[in-house]
C-alpha cells in the first residue's frame, strides 16, 4: 500500500537551508526537498542541484543503517546523468555532509568542463581511462592520463576538467555534499 505524504508538511519540518532532506520514497527512489534562502535564477538553481538529480535513485541497501553494505554488479541501480553518463550510489548520500561513494560510467569523448568541489574528491579508475587537467579552460595537451587502477584526489576549490577518449568507469568517494560548481557560471 502506498503511504501518502504531505510535501508542504515535510517542507515545514526542514530547518536548514541548502541541505536536501528525504520527504518520501517512490518506487525505491527517494524524493528530496531543499529550502533555499534567497532567490536565484532558475538556471543557477538547476546547475547547483544537478548532482542531486542524479542521486535520487539511492538503493535502500546503500542507506547507512548499521548494516553492512554488500553489492554486486547486478544490485547497482544506474541512472542517466549529464551528457550520457550513468551514475549509481554505492554508499551514503552525496547530498548530505557525510561519507558517500558513487560510480560513473562515462562514454567515449566525454568532457566535464572546468569545475570545482567544496570538499576532497577521491577518484579511482575502474575501467578505461580518464584525463584530468587543471585551470579554467579545457586544455587536452596539459592533462594527465589515469588508467585502470589509477587514483587521484582533487582538493577543495581546485579548478579542474575531465575528459575521455574511451568509455570508462570511475568511482568517487568523499564527504558531501557533492556539488559540481562550474568555473564558468554559464555552463
Foldseek 3Di string as FASTA:
>chain_A
DDDDFDVVVVVVPDDDAQQWDFRDDDPQFTDTDGHHDDDDDPLLVCQFCQVVVQERNAGPLQEPPVDDRDDDPVRWDWDAHPPRKIKTWRHDHLRHQAKTKMKIWDAAFDKDAWWFWQAKKKKAWQAAKKWKAFDRGDDPVHTDIAHHGGMDIDGGPTTMMMHHRHTTMMMIITGHNTHTGHPPSVD
